Amino acid sequence: MGADLIAYTVVGPPKLKPSKVLRKKALAHAGHVIAAAQQAEKDPDFDWDQDKFLKNFEPEMLPEVASLEAETVLDDLLSVWEGNARDSTSRVIAFGKKKLRVLTAGEMSWGDEPEGFGYQTLRNADRLGLLDVLGIE
């Protein structure tokens, strides 16, 4: 037995500079996720099957997601994308005629979730649906 690498690896555009319209769309989507998490946290009869924003959530995730600030998570994601996280690395690769950035953030762990800025930012952005809205897979 030993430690494992726990990481997020994502692929997206080389530069991540969303337009005002895309930024507004991303923040609106994240706001809906946060509102749904807040509602689900308060309402014991919340209909999980009918909510499109909390599709892959577990009940224990709700308090953390409900407390996130969409704009902060988006700004942190843009910072990580530019290489401002010590627990992340990225490379721009050519894929045919298209260039893509491959970014990995994480750390070795004995089972606990990584605490690094890059990993936590990607996790939060993923939970809020920001990665999908911004074209990051």
N, C-alpha and C. Protein backbone atom coordinates (compact mmCIF):
# COMPACT_ATOMS: atom_id res chain seq x y z
N MET A 1 0.84 -1.18 0.00
CA MET A 1 0.00 0.00 0.00
C MET A 1 0.88 1.24 0.00
N GLY A 2 0.34 2.28 -0.60
CA GLY A 2 1.06 3.54 -0.65
C GLY A 2 0.13 4.67 -0.99
N ALA A 3 0.72 5.81 -1.11
CA ALA A 3 -0.06 6.99 -1.45
C ALA A 3 -0.44 6.94 -2.93
N ASP A 4 -1.54 7.59 -3.25
CA ASP A 4 -2.01 7.68 -4.62
C ASP A 4 -2.04 9.15 -5.05
N LEU A 5 -1.93 9.36 -6.35
CA LEU A 5 -2.11 10.70 -6.88
C LEU A 5 -3.60 10.93 -7.06
N ILE A 6 -4.12 11.95 -6.41
CA ILE A 6 -5.51 12.34 -6.55
C ILE A 6 -5.49 13.69 -7.25
N ALA A 7 -6.13 13.74 -8.43
CA ALA A 7 -6.01 14.95 -9.24
C ALA A 7 -7.22 15.15 -10.14
N TYR A 8 -7.38 16.37 -10.57
CA TYR A 8 -8.28 16.72 -11.66
C TYR A 8 -7.39 16.92 -12.87
N THR A 9 -7.77 16.38 -14.02
CA THR A 9 -7.11 16.67 -15.29
C THR A 9 -8.20 17.14 -16.25
N VAL A 10 -8.00 18.31 -16.81
CA VAL A 10 -9.00 18.91 -17.69
C VAL A 10 -8.33 19.39 -18.97
N VAL A 11 -9.15 19.55 -20.01
CA VAL A 11 -8.68 20.01 -21.31
C VAL A 11 -9.57 21.15 -21.76
N GLY A 12 -8.95 22.20 -22.28
CA GLY A 12 -9.72 23.34 -22.75
C GLY A 12 -8.90 24.23 -23.64
N PRO A 13 -9.36 25.44 -23.87
CA PRO A 13 -8.64 26.37 -24.76
C PRO A 13 -7.31 26.80 -24.15
N PRO A 14 -6.34 27.14 -25.00
CA PRO A 14 -5.04 27.59 -24.47
C PRO A 14 -5.16 28.80 -23.54
N LYS A 15 -5.97 29.76 -23.93
CA LYS A 15 -6.23 30.95 -23.10
C LYS A 15 -7.68 30.91 -22.67
N LEU A 16 -7.93 31.29 -21.45
CA LEU A 16 -9.30 31.30 -20.93
C LEU A 16 -9.64 32.73 -20.55
N LYS A 17 -10.21 33.45 -21.51
CA LYS A 17 -10.62 34.84 -21.29
C LYS A 17 -12.06 34.96 -21.78
N PRO A 18 -13.00 34.58 -20.93
CA PRO A 18 -14.40 34.61 -21.36
C PRO A 18 -14.88 36.03 -21.66
N SER A 19 -15.70 36.14 -22.69
CA SER A 19 -16.32 37.43 -23.01
C SER A 19 -17.27 37.82 -21.87
N LYS A 20 -17.74 39.06 -21.90
CA LYS A 20 -18.69 39.50 -20.87
C LYS A 20 -19.95 38.65 -20.90
N VAL A 21 -20.39 38.28 -22.11
CA VAL A 21 -21.61 37.47 -22.25
C VAL A 21 -21.38 36.07 -21.67
N LEU A 22 -20.25 35.45 -22.00
CA LEU A 22 -19.97 34.10 -21.49
C LEU A 22 -19.76 34.13 -19.98
N ARG A 23 -19.09 35.16 -19.49
CA ARG A 23 -18.89 35.29 -18.03
C ARG A 23 -20.24 35.40 -17.32
N LYS A 24 -21.14 36.21 -17.90
CA LYS A 24 -22.47 36.37 -17.31
C LYS A 24 -23.23 35.04 -17.33
N LYS A 25 -23.13 34.31 -18.43
CA LYS A 25 -23.79 33.01 -18.55
C LYS A 25 -23.23 32.02 -17.52
N ALA A 26 -21.91 32.00 -17.37
CA ALA A 26 -21.27 31.09 -16.41
C ALA A 26 -21.69 31.42 -14.98
N LEU A 27 -21.70 32.71 -14.64
CA LEU A 27 -22.08 33.11 -13.29
C LEU A 27 -23.56 32.83 -13.02
N ALA A 28 -24.40 33.01 -14.03
CA ALA A 28 -25.83 32.71 -13.87
C ALA A 28 -26.02 31.21 -13.61
N HIS A 29 -25.33 30.39 -14.38
CA HIS A 29 -25.46 28.94 -14.19
C HIS A 29 -24.98 28.55 -12.78
N ALA A 30 -23.82 29.06 -12.39
CA ALA A 30 -23.29 28.75 -11.06
C ALA A 30 -24.25 29.24 -9.97
N GLY A 31 -24.86 30.39 -10.19
CA GLY A 31 -25.83 30.91 -9.23
C GLY A 31 -27.03 29.99 -9.08
N HIS A 32 -27.47 29.40 -10.19
CA HIS A 32 -28.58 28.44 -10.13
C HIS A 32 -28.19 27.20 -9.33
N VAL A 33 -26.96 26.73 -9.52
CA VAL A 33 -26.48 25.56 -8.78
C VAL A 33 -26.44 25.86 -7.29
N ILE A 34 -25.91 27.02 -6.93
CA ILE A 34 -25.82 27.41 -5.52
C ILE A 34 -27.22 27.55 -4.92
N ALA A 35 -28.13 28.18 -5.65
CA ALA A 35 -29.51 28.33 -5.15
C ALA A 35 -30.19 26.98 -4.97
N ALA A 36 -29.98 26.07 -5.92
CA ALA A 36 -30.57 24.73 -5.80
C ALA A 36 -29.98 23.99 -4.60
N ALA A 37 -28.68 24.14 -4.37
CA ALA A 37 -28.04 23.50 -3.22
C ALA A 37 -28.59 24.07 -1.92
N GLN A 38 -28.79 25.37 -1.88
CA GLN A 38 -29.34 26.00 -0.68
C GLN A 38 -30.77 25.52 -0.43
N GLN A 39 -31.55 25.42 -1.50
CA GLN A 39 -32.93 24.94 -1.36
C GLN A 39 -32.95 23.48 -0.91
N ALA A 40 -32.13 22.66 -1.52
CA ALA A 40 -32.09 21.23 -1.17
C ALA A 40 -31.64 21.02 0.28
N GLU A 41 -30.74 21.89 0.73
CA GLU A 41 -30.24 21.80 2.10
C GLU A 41 -31.35 22.10 3.11
N LYS A 42 -32.26 23.03 2.77
CA LYS A 42 -33.32 23.45 3.68
C LYS A 42 -34.57 22.58 3.59
N ASP A 43 -34.83 22.00 2.41
CA ASP A 43 -36.08 21.30 2.14
C ASP A 43 -35.90 19.79 2.16
N PRO A 44 -36.39 19.10 3.18
CA PRO A 44 -36.23 17.65 3.24
C PRO A 44 -37.00 16.92 2.13
N ASP A 45 -37.98 17.57 1.51
CA ASP A 45 -38.74 16.96 0.43
C ASP A 45 -38.25 17.40 -0.95
N PHE A 46 -37.05 17.89 -1.02
CA PHE A 46 -36.48 18.36 -2.28
C PHE A 46 -36.48 17.23 -3.30
N ASP A 47 -36.94 17.51 -4.50
CA ASP A 47 -37.05 16.50 -5.56
C ASP A 47 -35.74 16.45 -6.36
N TRP A 48 -34.84 15.60 -5.94
CA TRP A 48 -33.53 15.47 -6.58
C TRP A 48 -33.65 15.05 -8.04
N ASP A 49 -34.61 14.24 -8.35
CA ASP A 49 -34.75 13.75 -9.72
C ASP A 49 -35.18 14.84 -10.70
N GLN A 50 -35.83 15.85 -10.22
CA GLN A 50 -36.32 16.91 -11.09
C GLN A 50 -35.35 18.09 -11.22
N ASP A 51 -34.32 18.12 -10.43
CA ASP A 51 -33.42 19.26 -10.45
C ASP A 51 -32.26 19.02 -11.41
N LYS A 52 -32.16 19.84 -12.44
CA LYS A 52 -31.11 19.65 -13.44
C LYS A 52 -29.76 20.21 -12.99
N PHE A 53 -29.72 21.00 -11.95
CA PHE A 53 -28.46 21.60 -11.51
C PHE A 53 -27.68 20.73 -10.52
N LEU A 54 -28.35 19.83 -9.84
CA LEU A 54 -27.68 19.01 -8.84
C LEU A 54 -27.61 17.54 -9.28
N LYS A 55 -27.29 17.32 -10.54
CA LYS A 55 -27.38 15.99 -11.12
C LYS A 55 -26.46 14.95 -10.49
N ASN A 56 -25.27 15.29 -10.10
CA ASN A 56 -24.33 14.30 -9.56
C ASN A 56 -23.94 14.60 -8.11
N PHE A 57 -24.84 15.21 -7.38
CA PHE A 57 -24.52 15.62 -6.02
C PHE A 57 -24.91 14.55 -5.02
N GLU A 58 -24.16 14.51 -3.95
CA GLU A 58 -24.49 13.71 -2.78
C GLU A 58 -24.94 14.70 -1.71
N PRO A 59 -25.87 14.30 -0.84
CA PRO A 59 -26.36 15.23 0.18
C PRO A 59 -25.27 15.88 1.03
N GLU A 60 -24.18 15.15 1.29
CA GLU A 60 -23.13 15.73 2.13
C GLU A 60 -22.36 16.86 1.43
N MET A 61 -22.53 17.03 0.13
CA MET A 61 -21.88 18.12 -0.61
C MET A 61 -22.62 19.45 -0.47
N LEU A 62 -23.88 19.39 -0.11
CA LEU A 62 -24.73 20.58 -0.14
C LEU A 62 -24.22 21.76 0.68
N PRO A 63 -23.83 21.58 1.94
CA PRO A 63 -23.40 22.75 2.71
C PRO A 63 -22.22 23.47 2.07
N GLU A 64 -21.26 22.71 1.56
CA GLU A 64 -20.09 23.36 0.95
C GLU A 64 -20.47 24.09 -0.34
N VAL A 65 -21.25 23.44 -1.19
CA VAL A 65 -21.66 24.06 -2.46
C VAL A 65 -22.54 25.27 -2.19
N ALA A 66 -23.43 25.16 -1.23
CA ALA A 66 -24.34 26.26 -0.90
C ALA A 66 -23.58 27.49 -0.41
N SER A 67 -22.38 27.30 0.12
CA SER A 67 -21.62 28.43 0.66
C SER A 67 -20.62 29.03 -0.34
N LEU A 68 -20.51 28.45 -1.52
CA LEU A 68 -19.56 28.97 -2.52
C LEU A 68 -20.04 30.30 -3.09
N GLU A 69 -19.10 31.11 -3.52
CA GLU A 69 -19.40 32.37 -4.20
C GLU A 69 -18.98 32.21 -5.65
N ALA A 70 -19.95 32.26 -6.56
CA ALA A 70 -19.71 31.98 -7.97
C ALA A 70 -18.60 32.84 -8.57
N GLU A 71 -18.62 34.12 -8.31
CA GLU A 71 -17.63 35.02 -8.91
C GLU A 71 -16.22 34.70 -8.41
N THR A 72 -16.09 34.37 -7.14
CA THR A 72 -14.78 34.02 -6.59
C THR A 72 -14.26 32.74 -7.24
N VAL A 73 -15.13 31.73 -7.38
CA VAL A 73 -14.71 30.47 -8.00
C VAL A 73 -14.30 30.71 -9.45
N LEU A 74 -15.05 31.51 -10.18
CA LEU A 74 -14.70 31.80 -11.58
C LEU A 74 -13.36 32.53 -11.66
N ASP A 75 -13.15 33.54 -10.83
CA ASP A 75 -11.88 34.27 -10.84
C ASP A 75 -10.73 33.36 -10.46
N ASP A 76 -10.94 32.47 -9.50
CA ASP A 76 -9.90 31.51 -9.11
C ASP A 76 -9.59 30.56 -10.26
N LEU A 77 -10.62 30.13 -10.97
CA LEU A 77 -10.40 29.24 -12.12
C LEU A 77 -9.56 29.93 -13.19
N LEU A 78 -9.85 31.18 -13.48
CA LEU A 78 -9.06 31.92 -14.47
C LEU A 78 -7.61 32.05 -14.01
N SER A 79 -7.40 32.22 -12.73
CA SER A 79 -6.05 32.31 -12.18
C SER A 79 -5.31 30.97 -12.30
N VAL A 80 -5.98 29.89 -11.96
CA VAL A 80 -5.36 28.55 -12.08
C VAL A 80 -5.04 28.27 -13.55
N TRP A 81 -5.92 28.66 -14.44
CA TRP A 81 -5.72 28.41 -15.87
C TRP A 81 -4.46 29.10 -16.37
N GLU A 82 -4.12 30.23 -15.75
CA GLU A 82 -2.91 30.97 -16.14
C GLU A 82 -1.66 30.48 -15.39
N GLY A 83 -1.79 29.43 -14.60
CA GLY A 83 -0.62 28.83 -13.94
C GLY A 83 -0.35 29.33 -12.54
N ASN A 84 -1.34 29.92 -11.89
CA ASN A 84 -1.13 30.49 -10.56
C ASN A 84 -1.55 29.57 -9.43
N ALA A 85 -1.17 28.30 -9.53
CA ALA A 85 -1.44 27.34 -8.45
C ALA A 85 -0.25 26.40 -8.35
N ARG A 86 0.32 26.31 -7.18
CA ARG A 86 1.52 25.48 -7.00
C ARG A 86 1.25 23.99 -7.16
N ASP A 87 0.01 23.58 -6.99
CA ASP A 87 -0.31 22.15 -7.10
C ASP A 87 -0.81 21.79 -8.50
N SER A 88 -0.55 22.64 -9.49
CA SER A 88 -1.02 22.35 -10.84
C SER A 88 0.10 22.51 -11.86
N THR A 89 -0.10 21.87 -12.98
CA THR A 89 0.80 22.02 -14.11
C THR A 89 -0.03 21.93 -15.38
N SER A 90 0.42 22.60 -16.42
CA SER A 90 -0.33 22.55 -17.67
C SER A 90 0.62 22.62 -18.85
N ARG A 91 0.09 22.24 -19.97
CA ARG A 91 0.85 22.28 -21.22
C ARG A 91 -0.13 22.53 -22.35
N VAL A 92 0.27 23.36 -23.29
CA VAL A 92 -0.51 23.57 -24.50
C VAL A 92 0.00 22.58 -25.54
N ILE A 93 -0.92 21.81 -26.10
CA ILE A 93 -0.54 20.82 -27.10
C ILE A 93 -1.31 21.09 -28.40
N ALA A 94 -0.70 20.66 -29.49
CA ALA A 94 -1.38 20.75 -30.78
C ALA A 94 -2.10 19.43 -31.01
N PHE A 95 -3.38 19.54 -31.32
CA PHE A 95 -4.19 18.36 -31.60
C PHE A 95 -4.77 18.58 -32.99
N GLY A 96 -4.07 18.08 -34.00
CA GLY A 96 -4.41 18.43 -35.37
C GLY A 96 -4.09 19.89 -35.58
N LYS A 97 -5.05 20.65 -36.07
CA LYS A 97 -4.85 22.08 -36.27
C LYS A 97 -5.27 22.89 -35.04
N LYS A 98 -5.81 22.20 -34.06
CA LYS A 98 -6.33 22.87 -32.87
C LYS A 98 -5.30 22.80 -31.73
N LYS A 99 -5.19 23.88 -30.98
CA LYS A 99 -4.34 23.89 -29.79
C LYS A 99 -5.22 23.80 -28.55
N LEU A 100 -4.80 22.99 -27.60
CA LEU A 100 -5.54 22.78 -26.36
C LEU A 100 -4.60 22.86 -25.17
N ARG A 101 -5.14 23.32 -24.06
CA ARG A 101 -4.39 23.29 -22.80
C ARG A 101 -4.86 22.08 -22.00
N VAL A 102 -3.90 21.29 -21.54
CA VAL A 102 -4.17 20.18 -20.64
C VAL A 102 -3.65 20.60 -19.27
N LEU A 103 -4.52 20.62 -18.28
CA LEU A 103 -4.16 21.09 -16.95
C LEU A 103 -4.46 20.00 -15.92
N THR A 104 -3.50 19.75 -15.06
CA THR A 104 -3.69 18.78 -13.98
C THR A 104 -3.38 19.48 -12.66
N ALA A 105 -4.24 19.25 -11.67
CA ALA A 105 -4.03 19.81 -10.34
C ALA A 105 -4.34 18.73 -9.32
N GLY A 106 -3.46 18.53 -8.36
CA GLY A 106 -3.67 17.52 -7.32
C GLY A 106 -2.39 17.27 -6.55
N GLU A 107 -2.39 16.19 -5.80
CA GLU A 107 -1.21 15.84 -5.00
C GLU A 107 -1.29 14.40 -4.54
N MET A 108 -0.20 13.91 -4.05
CA MET A 108 -0.16 12.56 -3.49
C MET A 108 -0.95 12.56 -2.19
N SER A 109 -1.67 11.47 -1.96
CA SER A 109 -2.52 11.42 -0.77
C SER A 109 -2.66 9.98 -0.30
N TRP A 110 -2.87 9.83 0.98
CA TRP A 110 -3.15 8.52 1.57
C TRP A 110 -4.65 8.29 1.64
N GLY A 111 -5.42 9.12 0.98
CA GLY A 111 -6.86 8.93 0.94
C GLY A 111 -7.65 10.21 1.16
N ASP A 112 -7.03 11.22 1.76
CA ASP A 112 -7.72 12.49 1.97
C ASP A 112 -7.75 13.28 0.67
N GLU A 113 -8.76 14.13 0.55
CA GLU A 113 -8.85 14.98 -0.62
C GLU A 113 -7.74 16.03 -0.59
N PRO A 114 -7.10 16.30 -1.73
CA PRO A 114 -6.05 17.32 -1.75
C PRO A 114 -6.58 18.68 -1.33
N GLU A 115 -5.72 19.45 -0.68
CA GLU A 115 -6.10 20.75 -0.17
C GLU A 115 -5.56 21.91 -1.00
N GLY A 116 -4.80 21.62 -2.04
CA GLY A 116 -4.17 22.66 -2.83
C GLY A 116 -5.17 23.56 -3.55
N PHE A 117 -4.74 24.78 -3.82
CA PHE A 117 -5.57 25.79 -4.46
C PHE A 117 -6.08 25.33 -5.83
N GLY A 118 -5.21 24.76 -6.64
CA GLY A 118 -5.60 24.32 -7.97
C GLY A 118 -6.65 23.23 -7.94
N TYR A 119 -6.42 22.21 -7.12
CA TYR A 119 -7.38 21.10 -7.01
C TYR A 119 -8.72 21.58 -6.50
N GLN A 120 -8.70 22.33 -5.42
CA GLN A 120 -9.95 22.81 -4.82
C GLN A 120 -10.71 23.72 -5.80
N THR A 121 -9.98 24.54 -6.54
CA THR A 121 -10.63 25.43 -7.51
C THR A 121 -11.29 24.63 -8.63
N LEU A 122 -10.58 23.65 -9.18
CA LEU A 122 -11.17 22.83 -10.23
C LEU A 122 -12.37 22.04 -9.72
N ARG A 123 -12.27 21.54 -8.51
CA ARG A 123 -13.39 20.80 -7.91
C ARG A 123 -14.61 21.70 -7.76
N ASN A 124 -14.40 22.90 -7.22
CA ASN A 124 -15.51 23.83 -7.03
C ASN A 124 -16.10 24.29 -8.36
N ALA A 125 -15.24 24.58 -9.34
CA ALA A 125 -15.71 24.99 -10.66
C ALA A 125 -16.51 23.87 -11.32
N ASP A 126 -16.07 22.64 -11.14
CA ASP A 126 -16.79 21.49 -11.68
C ASP A 126 -18.15 21.35 -11.01
N ARG A 127 -18.20 21.47 -9.71
CA ARG A 127 -19.47 21.34 -8.98
C ARG A 127 -20.46 22.43 -9.37
N LEU A 128 -19.96 23.61 -9.69
CA LEU A 128 -20.85 24.71 -10.08
C LEU A 128 -21.17 24.70 -11.56
N GLY A 129 -20.61 23.77 -12.32
CA GLY A 129 -20.89 23.68 -13.74
C GLY A 129 -20.11 24.67 -14.60
N LEU A 130 -19.15 25.36 -14.00
CA LEU A 130 -18.38 26.36 -14.74
C LEU A 130 -17.53 25.74 -15.83
N LEU A 131 -16.97 24.56 -15.58
CA LEU A 131 -16.12 23.93 -16.58
C LEU A 131 -16.91 23.67 -17.86
N ASP A 132 -18.10 23.12 -17.73
CA ASP A 132 -18.93 22.83 -18.90
C ASP A 132 -19.29 24.10 -19.66
N VAL A 133 -19.70 25.13 -18.95
CA VAL A 133 -20.13 26.38 -19.59
C VAL A 133 -18.96 27.01 -20.35
N LEU A 134 -17.75 26.89 -19.82
CA LEU A 134 -16.57 27.51 -20.43
C LEU A 134 -15.89 26.62 -21.46
N GLY A 135 -16.45 25.45 -21.74
CA GLY A 135 -15.89 24.57 -22.76
C GLY A 135 -14.67 23.80 -22.31
N ILE A 136 -14.61 23.52 -21.01
CA ILE A 136 -13.50 22.75 -20.45
C ILE A 136 -14.02 21.35 -20.15
N GLU A 137 -13.29 20.36 -20.62
CA GLU A 137 -13.71 18.96 -20.39
C GLU A 137 -12.80 18.30 -19.38
